[in-house]
N, C-alpha and C. Protein backbone atom coordinates (compact mmCIF):
# COMPACT_ATOMS: atom_id res chain seq x y z
N UNK A 1 -38.60 9.15 -11.79
CA UNK A 1 -37.65 8.05 -11.93
C UNK A 1 -36.25 8.65 -12.06
N UNK A 2 -35.29 8.14 -11.30
CA UNK A 2 -33.92 8.66 -11.40
C UNK A 2 -33.36 8.41 -12.80
N UNK A 3 -32.42 9.30 -13.19
CA UNK A 3 -31.83 9.21 -14.52
C UNK A 3 -31.18 7.86 -14.78
N UNK A 4 -30.50 7.29 -13.83
CA UNK A 4 -29.81 6.00 -14.01
C UNK A 4 -30.81 4.91 -14.33
N UNK A 5 -31.95 4.89 -13.62
CA UNK A 5 -32.98 3.86 -13.89
C UNK A 5 -33.59 4.06 -15.27
N UNK A 6 -33.85 5.30 -15.64
CA UNK A 6 -34.44 5.58 -16.96
C UNK A 6 -33.50 5.16 -18.07
N UNK A 7 -32.21 5.45 -17.91
CA UNK A 7 -31.23 5.06 -18.93
C UNK A 7 -31.14 3.55 -19.04
N UNK A 8 -31.15 2.85 -17.91
CA UNK A 8 -31.07 1.39 -17.91
C UNK A 8 -32.30 0.80 -18.58
N UNK A 9 -33.47 1.36 -18.30
CA UNK A 9 -34.71 0.89 -18.90
C UNK A 9 -34.66 1.06 -20.42
N UNK A 10 -34.17 2.19 -20.88
CA UNK A 10 -34.07 2.42 -22.33
C UNK A 10 -33.11 1.43 -22.98
N UNK A 11 -32.01 1.11 -22.30
CA UNK A 11 -31.04 0.17 -22.85
C UNK A 11 -31.62 -1.23 -22.97
N UNK A 12 -32.52 -1.60 -22.05
CA UNK A 12 -33.07 -2.95 -22.06
C UNK A 12 -34.22 -3.09 -23.06
N UNK A 13 -34.77 -1.99 -23.50
CA UNK A 13 -35.87 -2.05 -24.46
C UNK A 13 -35.34 -2.37 -25.85
N UNK A 14 -36.02 -3.29 -26.56
CA UNK A 14 -35.57 -3.61 -27.92
C UNK A 14 -35.76 -2.41 -28.83
N UNK A 15 -34.86 -2.22 -29.70
CA UNK A 15 -34.93 -1.10 -30.63
C UNK A 15 -35.55 -1.56 -31.93
N UNK A 16 -36.67 -0.99 -32.27
CA UNK A 16 -37.33 -1.35 -33.53
C UNK A 16 -36.49 -0.93 -34.72
N UNK A 17 -35.81 0.22 -34.59
CA UNK A 17 -34.95 0.68 -35.67
C UNK A 17 -33.85 -0.32 -35.97
N UNK A 18 -33.15 -0.78 -34.96
CA UNK A 18 -32.06 -1.74 -35.15
C UNK A 18 -32.58 -3.04 -35.73
N UNK A 19 -33.73 -3.51 -35.25
CA UNK A 19 -34.31 -4.75 -35.76
C UNK A 19 -34.70 -4.62 -37.22
N UNK A 20 -35.30 -3.49 -37.58
CA UNK A 20 -35.72 -3.32 -38.98
C UNK A 20 -34.53 -3.19 -39.91
N UNK A 21 -33.45 -2.54 -39.43
CA UNK A 21 -32.24 -2.44 -40.26
C UNK A 21 -31.61 -3.81 -40.44
N UNK A 22 -31.58 -4.60 -39.38
CA UNK A 22 -31.01 -5.94 -39.46
C UNK A 22 -31.83 -6.80 -40.40
N UNK A 23 -33.14 -6.72 -40.31
CA UNK A 23 -34.02 -7.48 -41.18
C UNK A 23 -33.83 -7.06 -42.64
N UNK A 24 -33.76 -5.77 -42.88
CA UNK A 24 -33.56 -5.27 -44.24
C UNK A 24 -32.23 -5.74 -44.80
N UNK A 25 -31.20 -5.77 -43.97
CA UNK A 25 -29.88 -6.23 -44.41
C UNK A 25 -29.92 -7.70 -44.78
N UNK A 26 -30.59 -8.50 -43.98
CA UNK A 26 -30.69 -9.94 -44.26
C UNK A 26 -31.46 -10.16 -45.56
N UNK A 27 -32.56 -9.45 -45.72
CA UNK A 27 -33.37 -9.59 -46.93
C UNK A 27 -32.56 -9.18 -48.16
N UNK A 28 -31.84 -8.08 -48.06
CA UNK A 28 -31.02 -7.62 -49.19
C UNK A 28 -29.93 -8.63 -49.51
N UNK A 29 -29.30 -9.19 -48.49
CA UNK A 29 -28.25 -10.20 -48.71
C UNK A 29 -28.83 -11.43 -49.38
N UNK A 30 -29.98 -11.91 -48.87
CA UNK A 30 -30.60 -13.10 -49.46
C UNK A 30 -31.01 -12.84 -50.90
N UNK A 31 -31.52 -11.65 -51.17
CA UNK A 31 -31.92 -11.29 -52.52
C UNK A 31 -30.71 -11.26 -53.46
N UNK A 32 -29.63 -10.65 -53.01
CA UNK A 32 -28.41 -10.60 -53.82
C UNK A 32 -27.85 -11.99 -54.05
N UNK A 33 -27.89 -12.84 -53.04
CA UNK A 33 -27.39 -14.20 -53.17
C UNK A 33 -28.23 -14.98 -54.16
N UNK A 34 -29.53 -14.82 -54.10
CA UNK A 34 -30.43 -15.50 -55.03
C UNK A 34 -30.20 -15.01 -56.45
N UNK A 35 -30.04 -13.71 -56.62
CA UNK A 35 -29.79 -13.16 -57.95
C UNK A 35 -28.49 -13.69 -58.52
N UNK A 36 -27.45 -13.76 -57.69
CA UNK A 36 -26.17 -14.27 -58.13
C UNK A 36 -26.30 -15.73 -58.54
N UNK A 37 -27.03 -16.49 -57.75
CA UNK A 37 -27.24 -17.91 -58.03
C UNK A 37 -28.00 -18.08 -59.35
N UNK A 38 -29.03 -17.27 -59.55
CA UNK A 38 -29.80 -17.34 -60.80
C UNK A 38 -28.94 -16.95 -61.99
N UNK A 39 -28.13 -15.92 -61.84
CA UNK A 39 -27.24 -15.48 -62.91
C UNK A 39 -26.25 -16.59 -63.26
N UNK A 40 -25.65 -17.18 -62.23
CA UNK A 40 -24.68 -18.24 -62.46
C UNK A 40 -25.33 -19.42 -63.18
N UNK A 41 -26.55 -19.76 -62.82
CA UNK A 41 -27.25 -20.87 -63.48
C UNK A 41 -27.54 -20.55 -64.94
N UNK A 42 -27.91 -19.31 -65.22
CA UNK A 42 -28.17 -18.92 -66.61
C UNK A 42 -26.88 -18.99 -67.44
N UNK A 43 -25.78 -18.53 -66.86
CA UNK A 43 -24.49 -18.59 -67.56
C UNK A 43 -24.09 -20.04 -67.79
N UNK A 44 -24.25 -20.87 -66.78
CA UNK A 44 -23.92 -22.29 -66.89
C UNK A 44 -24.71 -22.95 -68.02
N UNK A 45 -26.01 -22.66 -68.07
CA UNK A 45 -26.87 -23.24 -69.11
C UNK A 45 -26.44 -22.77 -70.49
N UNK A 46 -26.17 -21.49 -70.63
CA UNK A 46 -25.76 -20.96 -71.94
C UNK A 46 -24.40 -21.51 -72.36
N UNK A 47 -23.48 -21.65 -71.42
CA UNK A 47 -22.17 -22.23 -71.74
C UNK A 47 -22.33 -23.67 -72.23
N UNK A 48 -23.24 -24.40 -71.61
CA UNK A 48 -23.49 -25.78 -72.05
C UNK A 48 -24.11 -25.80 -73.45
N UNK A 49 -24.99 -24.85 -73.73
CA UNK A 49 -25.57 -24.76 -75.08
C UNK A 49 -24.49 -24.50 -76.11
N UNK A 50 -23.54 -23.62 -75.79
CA UNK A 50 -22.43 -23.34 -76.70
C UNK A 50 -21.59 -24.60 -76.93
N UNK A 51 -21.34 -25.35 -75.87
CA UNK A 51 -20.62 -26.61 -75.95
C UNK A 51 -21.35 -27.58 -76.88
N UNK A 52 -22.65 -27.68 -76.73
CA UNK A 52 -23.44 -28.57 -77.58
C UNK A 52 -23.45 -28.11 -79.03
N UNK A 53 -23.55 -26.80 -79.25
CA UNK A 53 -23.55 -26.26 -80.62
C UNK A 53 -22.25 -26.59 -81.35
N UNK A 54 -21.18 -26.72 -80.60
CA UNK A 54 -19.89 -27.06 -81.18
C UNK A 54 -19.73 -28.57 -81.34
N UNK A 55 -20.78 -29.31 -81.08
CA UNK A 55 -20.73 -30.76 -81.22
C UNK A 55 -20.12 -31.46 -80.01
N UNK A 56 -20.07 -30.80 -78.88
CA UNK A 56 -19.55 -31.41 -77.67
C UNK A 56 -18.04 -31.54 -77.64
N UNK A 57 -17.38 -30.76 -78.47
CA UNK A 57 -15.92 -30.82 -78.51
C UNK A 57 -15.32 -30.16 -77.27
N UNK A 58 -14.44 -30.92 -76.58
CA UNK A 58 -13.81 -30.41 -75.35
C UNK A 58 -12.72 -29.38 -75.66
N UNK A 59 -12.32 -28.68 -74.62
CA UNK A 59 -11.19 -27.75 -74.71
C UNK A 59 -11.57 -26.29 -74.81
N UNK A 60 -12.85 -25.99 -74.73
CA UNK A 60 -13.30 -24.60 -74.88
C UNK A 60 -14.16 -24.13 -73.69
N UNK A 61 -14.03 -24.81 -72.57
CA UNK A 61 -14.91 -24.51 -71.42
C UNK A 61 -14.79 -23.05 -70.97
N UNK A 62 -13.57 -22.55 -70.87
CA UNK A 62 -13.39 -21.17 -70.41
C UNK A 62 -13.94 -20.18 -71.43
N UNK A 63 -13.69 -20.43 -72.72
CA UNK A 63 -14.23 -19.54 -73.75
C UNK A 63 -15.76 -19.57 -73.75
N UNK A 64 -16.33 -20.77 -73.60
CA UNK A 64 -17.79 -20.89 -73.56
C UNK A 64 -18.36 -20.12 -72.37
N UNK A 65 -17.71 -20.26 -71.21
CA UNK A 65 -18.19 -19.58 -70.00
C UNK A 65 -18.13 -18.06 -70.18
N UNK A 66 -17.01 -17.57 -70.67
CA UNK A 66 -16.85 -16.12 -70.84
C UNK A 66 -17.82 -15.57 -71.87
N UNK A 67 -18.03 -16.30 -72.95
CA UNK A 67 -18.98 -15.85 -73.97
C UNK A 67 -20.40 -15.85 -73.40
N UNK A 68 -20.75 -16.92 -72.69
CA UNK A 68 -22.08 -17.00 -72.09
C UNK A 68 -22.29 -15.87 -71.09
N UNK A 69 -21.28 -15.60 -70.30
CA UNK A 69 -21.35 -14.52 -69.31
C UNK A 69 -21.57 -13.18 -70.00
N UNK A 70 -20.82 -12.94 -71.06
CA UNK A 70 -20.94 -11.68 -71.80
C UNK A 70 -22.34 -11.55 -72.41
N UNK A 71 -22.85 -12.64 -72.97
CA UNK A 71 -24.18 -12.61 -73.57
C UNK A 71 -25.26 -12.32 -72.52
N UNK A 72 -25.19 -13.04 -71.40
CA UNK A 72 -26.19 -12.88 -70.35
C UNK A 72 -26.12 -11.48 -69.74
N UNK A 73 -24.93 -11.04 -69.41
CA UNK A 73 -24.79 -9.70 -68.81
C UNK A 73 -25.14 -8.61 -69.82
N UNK A 74 -24.82 -8.83 -71.07
CA UNK A 74 -25.18 -7.88 -72.11
C UNK A 74 -26.68 -7.74 -72.25
N UNK A 75 -27.39 -8.86 -72.16
CA UNK A 75 -28.84 -8.83 -72.23
C UNK A 75 -29.43 -8.12 -71.02
N UNK A 76 -28.86 -8.38 -69.86
CA UNK A 76 -29.36 -7.75 -68.64
C UNK A 76 -29.17 -6.24 -68.69
N UNK A 77 -28.02 -5.81 -69.19
CA UNK A 77 -27.74 -4.38 -69.26
C UNK A 77 -28.70 -3.67 -70.19
N UNK A 78 -29.04 -4.32 -71.30
CA UNK A 78 -29.96 -3.68 -72.25
C UNK A 78 -31.36 -3.55 -71.67
N UNK A 79 -31.78 -4.54 -70.87
CA UNK A 79 -33.11 -4.48 -70.27
C UNK A 79 -33.20 -3.38 -69.22
N UNK A 80 -32.11 -3.19 -68.46
CA UNK A 80 -32.15 -2.20 -67.38
C UNK A 80 -31.81 -0.79 -67.85
N UNK A 81 -31.14 -0.68 -68.95
CA UNK A 81 -30.72 0.65 -69.43
C UNK A 81 -31.85 1.38 -70.11
C-alpha cells in the first residue's frame, strides 16, 4: 500500500486514546460539578440552620454563609488529612 493511502487510512481510523481521554475528561468534569453542587447544598443548609438558631433574625446572611462554609470545609479537610 502506498504511503499516502496508509497515512489517510490511519487518519480516518478512530483513536481509542483520544476517545478515552475525552471520556475521562467528561467524567472528571461531571464529578467535580457534582461535588461542587453537593458542597454548595451543604453550605446552604448549614447557613439556614445558623439563621434559625439566631431566631430567624435578618441581616446576617453573609456571615452565616461564610461561617457555614468554614465549618463544612474545615470538616472536609480534617477527614482527608
